[in-house]
Amino acid sequence: MYELRCDPAITAIWDSLPGAARTRLAHALVAVCEDPLATTQPYGIDDGVTRQLVLDDTIAILLVTAAMKRVRILQINFLG
């Protein structure tokens, strides 16, 4: 299981999402923490480190550090 991290500014964006989008993102991030490469897509060059989680109304850009078993949320974009 990977540890999820984000800074306070990202947490504020997450908290500001509409309820349904916030819940979908939370559930999807649980799955990401179990298997980040299987549940995300490459972001740019497929380096296995910078990934994107694409949902119907939200895209999260993630940094996966396999050696430390961490996933850091770098950016959240609400599409709806």
N, C-alpha and C. Protein backbone atom coordinates (compact mmCIF):
# COMPACT_ATOMS: atom_id res chain seq x y z
N MET A 1 0.84 -1.18 0.00
CA MET A 1 0.00 0.00 0.00
C MET A 1 0.89 1.24 0.00
N TYR A 2 0.58 2.17 -0.88
CA TYR A 2 1.31 3.42 -0.97
C TYR A 2 0.70 4.46 -0.04
N GLU A 3 1.52 5.36 0.44
CA GLU A 3 1.07 6.47 1.28
C GLU A 3 0.70 7.64 0.38
N LEU A 4 -0.45 8.26 0.64
CA LEU A 4 -0.90 9.41 -0.15
C LEU A 4 -0.48 10.69 0.55
N ARG A 5 0.10 11.61 -0.23
CA ARG A 5 0.53 12.90 0.31
C ARG A 5 0.07 14.03 -0.60
N CYS A 6 -0.19 15.18 0.00
CA CYS A 6 -0.45 16.40 -0.75
C CYS A 6 -0.26 17.59 0.19
N ASP A 7 0.03 18.74 -0.40
CA ASP A 7 0.24 19.92 0.44
C ASP A 7 -1.10 20.59 0.73
N PRO A 8 -1.13 21.53 1.66
CA PRO A 8 -2.39 22.17 2.05
C PRO A 8 -3.14 22.85 0.90
N ALA A 9 -2.43 23.39 -0.07
CA ALA A 9 -3.11 24.04 -1.20
C ALA A 9 -3.90 23.01 -2.02
N ILE A 10 -3.33 21.83 -2.21
CA ILE A 10 -4.02 20.76 -2.94
C ILE A 10 -5.20 20.25 -2.12
N THR A 11 -5.01 20.13 -0.82
CA THR A 11 -6.11 19.71 0.06
C THR A 11 -7.28 20.69 -0.04
N ALA A 12 -6.97 21.97 -0.11
CA ALA A 12 -8.03 22.99 -0.22
C ALA A 12 -8.79 22.84 -1.53
N ILE A 13 -8.08 22.55 -2.62
CA ILE A 13 -8.75 22.32 -3.91
C ILE A 13 -9.65 21.09 -3.82
N TRP A 14 -9.12 20.02 -3.26
CA TRP A 14 -9.89 18.78 -3.09
C TRP A 14 -11.15 19.06 -2.28
N ASP A 15 -11.00 19.79 -1.17
CA ASP A 15 -12.13 20.10 -0.31
C ASP A 15 -13.17 20.98 -1.00
N SER A 16 -12.73 21.75 -2.00
CA SER A 16 -13.66 22.67 -2.68
C SER A 16 -14.44 22.00 -3.81
N LEU A 17 -14.10 20.76 -4.15
CA LEU A 17 -14.83 20.04 -5.20
C LEU A 17 -16.27 19.80 -4.76
N PRO A 18 -17.20 19.75 -5.71
CA PRO A 18 -18.58 19.36 -5.36
C PRO A 18 -18.57 17.97 -4.70
N GLY A 19 -19.53 17.73 -3.84
CA GLY A 19 -19.57 16.51 -3.04
C GLY A 19 -19.36 15.21 -3.80
N ALA A 20 -20.08 15.03 -4.91
CA ALA A 20 -19.96 13.77 -5.66
C ALA A 20 -18.57 13.63 -6.27
N ALA A 21 -18.02 14.71 -6.80
CA ALA A 21 -16.68 14.66 -7.39
C ALA A 21 -15.63 14.40 -6.32
N ARG A 22 -15.79 15.01 -5.17
CA ARG A 22 -14.86 14.81 -4.05
C ARG A 22 -14.87 13.35 -3.61
N THR A 23 -16.05 12.76 -3.53
CA THR A 23 -16.18 11.36 -3.13
C THR A 23 -15.58 10.42 -4.16
N ARG A 24 -15.86 10.67 -5.46
CA ARG A 24 -15.28 9.84 -6.52
C ARG A 24 -13.76 9.91 -6.50
N LEU A 25 -13.22 11.10 -6.29
CA LEU A 25 -11.77 11.25 -6.24
C LEU A 25 -11.19 10.49 -5.05
N ALA A 26 -11.84 10.59 -3.91
CA ALA A 26 -11.36 9.88 -2.72
C ALA A 26 -11.33 8.37 -2.95
N HIS A 27 -12.38 7.83 -3.51
CA HIS A 27 -12.45 6.38 -3.78
C HIS A 27 -11.39 5.97 -4.80
N ALA A 28 -11.22 6.78 -5.83
CA ALA A 28 -10.23 6.46 -6.86
C ALA A 28 -8.82 6.52 -6.28
N LEU A 29 -8.56 7.46 -5.39
CA LEU A 29 -7.23 7.57 -4.79
C LEU A 29 -6.91 6.40 -3.86
N VAL A 30 -7.93 5.81 -3.26
CA VAL A 30 -7.72 4.59 -2.47
C VAL A 30 -7.20 3.49 -3.39
N ALA A 31 -7.83 3.35 -4.55
CA ALA A 31 -7.37 2.35 -5.52
C ALA A 31 -5.97 2.65 -6.02
N VAL A 32 -5.67 3.93 -6.23
CA VAL A 32 -4.33 4.33 -6.66
C VAL A 32 -3.29 3.91 -5.62
N CYS A 33 -3.60 4.09 -4.37
CA CYS A 33 -2.66 3.72 -3.30
C CYS A 33 -2.42 2.22 -3.24
N GLU A 34 -3.36 1.45 -3.74
CA GLU A 34 -3.17 -0.01 -3.78
C GLU A 34 -2.30 -0.42 -4.97
N ASP A 35 -2.51 0.23 -6.13
CA ASP A 35 -1.74 -0.11 -7.33
C ASP A 35 -1.69 1.10 -8.26
N PRO A 36 -0.73 1.99 -8.04
CA PRO A 36 -0.71 3.25 -8.79
C PRO A 36 -0.55 3.10 -10.31
N LEU A 37 0.22 2.15 -10.76
CA LEU A 37 0.44 2.03 -12.20
C LEU A 37 -0.75 1.43 -12.92
N ALA A 38 -1.49 0.56 -12.25
CA ALA A 38 -2.65 -0.07 -12.89
C ALA A 38 -3.87 0.85 -12.93
N THR A 39 -3.93 1.82 -12.03
CA THR A 39 -5.13 2.66 -11.91
C THR A 39 -4.96 4.05 -12.49
N THR A 40 -3.79 4.34 -13.05
CA THR A 40 -3.52 5.66 -13.62
C THR A 40 -2.96 5.51 -15.03
N GLN A 41 -2.81 6.64 -15.68
CA GLN A 41 -2.25 6.69 -17.03
C GLN A 41 -0.97 7.51 -17.00
N PRO A 42 -0.07 7.26 -17.94
CA PRO A 42 1.13 8.11 -18.02
C PRO A 42 0.75 9.57 -18.25
N TYR A 43 1.52 10.46 -17.70
CA TYR A 43 1.36 11.89 -17.92
C TYR A 43 2.61 12.34 -18.66
N GLY A 44 2.45 12.59 -19.94
CA GLY A 44 3.62 12.91 -20.75
C GLY A 44 4.35 11.63 -21.10
N ILE A 45 5.65 11.63 -20.95
CA ILE A 45 6.47 10.45 -21.22
C ILE A 45 6.17 9.39 -20.17
N ASP A 46 6.02 8.16 -20.59
CA ASP A 46 5.71 7.07 -19.66
C ASP A 46 6.96 6.68 -18.88
N ASP A 47 7.25 7.43 -17.83
CA ASP A 47 8.42 7.17 -17.00
C ASP A 47 8.07 6.36 -15.75
N GLY A 48 6.77 6.06 -15.56
CA GLY A 48 6.34 5.31 -14.39
C GLY A 48 6.33 6.14 -13.12
N VAL A 49 6.62 7.42 -13.24
CA VAL A 49 6.70 8.29 -12.07
C VAL A 49 5.59 9.34 -12.09
N THR A 50 5.48 10.08 -13.17
CA THR A 50 4.45 11.11 -13.27
C THR A 50 3.24 10.48 -13.96
N ARG A 51 2.12 10.46 -13.25
CA ARG A 51 0.93 9.76 -13.72
C ARG A 51 -0.27 10.69 -13.64
N GLN A 52 -1.34 10.32 -14.32
CA GLN A 52 -2.59 11.06 -14.19
C GLN A 52 -3.73 10.11 -13.90
N LEU A 53 -4.58 10.55 -13.01
CA LEU A 53 -5.80 9.83 -12.67
C LEU A 53 -6.93 10.58 -13.36
N VAL A 54 -7.56 9.94 -14.32
CA VAL A 54 -8.59 10.59 -15.12
C VAL A 54 -9.95 10.03 -14.73
N LEU A 55 -10.80 10.91 -14.21
CA LEU A 55 -12.18 10.56 -13.86
C LEU A 55 -13.11 11.35 -14.77
N ASP A 56 -14.40 11.12 -14.68
CA ASP A 56 -15.35 11.82 -15.54
C ASP A 56 -15.28 13.33 -15.39
N ASP A 57 -15.09 13.80 -14.17
CA ASP A 57 -15.13 15.24 -13.92
C ASP A 57 -13.87 15.81 -13.27
N THR A 58 -12.87 14.97 -13.07
CA THR A 58 -11.66 15.40 -12.37
C THR A 58 -10.44 14.72 -12.96
N ILE A 59 -9.35 15.46 -13.04
CA ILE A 59 -8.06 14.88 -13.40
C ILE A 59 -7.07 15.27 -12.31
N ALA A 60 -6.36 14.28 -11.79
CA ALA A 60 -5.34 14.53 -10.79
C ALA A 60 -3.99 14.12 -11.36
N ILE A 61 -3.00 14.99 -11.22
CA ILE A 61 -1.64 14.69 -11.64
C ILE A 61 -0.90 14.21 -10.40
N LEU A 62 -0.23 13.07 -10.53
CA LEU A 62 0.37 12.40 -9.39
C LEU A 62 1.85 12.13 -9.63
N LEU A 63 2.60 12.11 -8.56
CA LEU A 63 4.00 11.71 -8.59
C LEU A 63 4.11 10.42 -7.78
N VAL A 64 4.52 9.35 -8.43
CA VAL A 64 4.62 8.04 -7.78
C VAL A 64 6.09 7.75 -7.47
N THR A 65 6.39 7.55 -6.20
CA THR A 65 7.74 7.22 -5.78
C THR A 65 7.72 5.78 -5.26
N ALA A 66 8.05 4.85 -6.13
CA ALA A 66 7.95 3.43 -5.79
C ALA A 66 8.91 3.05 -4.67
N ALA A 67 10.11 3.59 -4.66
CA ALA A 67 11.10 3.23 -3.64
C ALA A 67 10.62 3.56 -2.24
N MET A 68 9.86 4.65 -2.11
CA MET A 68 9.36 5.07 -0.79
C MET A 68 7.89 4.71 -0.61
N LYS A 69 7.29 4.11 -1.65
CA LYS A 69 5.87 3.73 -1.62
C LYS A 69 4.99 4.93 -1.27
N ARG A 70 5.19 6.01 -2.06
CA ARG A 70 4.40 7.23 -1.87
C ARG A 70 3.77 7.68 -3.18
N VAL A 71 2.58 8.26 -3.03
CA VAL A 71 1.91 8.93 -4.14
C VAL A 71 1.63 10.35 -3.66
N ARG A 72 2.13 11.33 -4.41
CA ARG A 72 1.89 12.73 -4.07
C ARG A 72 1.00 13.34 -5.14
N ILE A 73 -0.07 14.02 -4.68
CA ILE A 73 -0.94 14.73 -5.60
C ILE A 73 -0.27 16.07 -5.91
N LEU A 74 0.00 16.31 -7.19
CA LEU A 74 0.64 17.55 -7.61
C LEU A 74 -0.38 18.60 -8.05
N GLN A 75 -1.50 18.13 -8.60
CA GLN A 75 -2.48 19.05 -9.16
C GLN A 75 -3.83 18.35 -9.26
N ILE A 76 -4.89 19.10 -9.04
CA ILE A 76 -6.26 18.60 -9.25
C ILE A 76 -6.98 19.58 -10.14
N ASN A 77 -7.56 19.08 -11.22
CA ASN A 77 -8.35 19.92 -12.13
C ASN A 77 -9.78 19.40 -12.16
N PHE A 78 -10.73 20.28 -11.88
CA PHE A 78 -12.15 19.93 -11.96
C PHE A 78 -12.66 20.32 -13.34
N LEU A 79 -13.26 19.39 -14.04
CA LEU A 79 -13.69 19.60 -15.41
C LEU A 79 -15.17 19.98 -15.53
N GLY A 80 -15.90 19.75 -14.47
CA GLY A 80 -17.35 19.96 -14.53
C GLY A 80 -17.74 21.33 -14.22
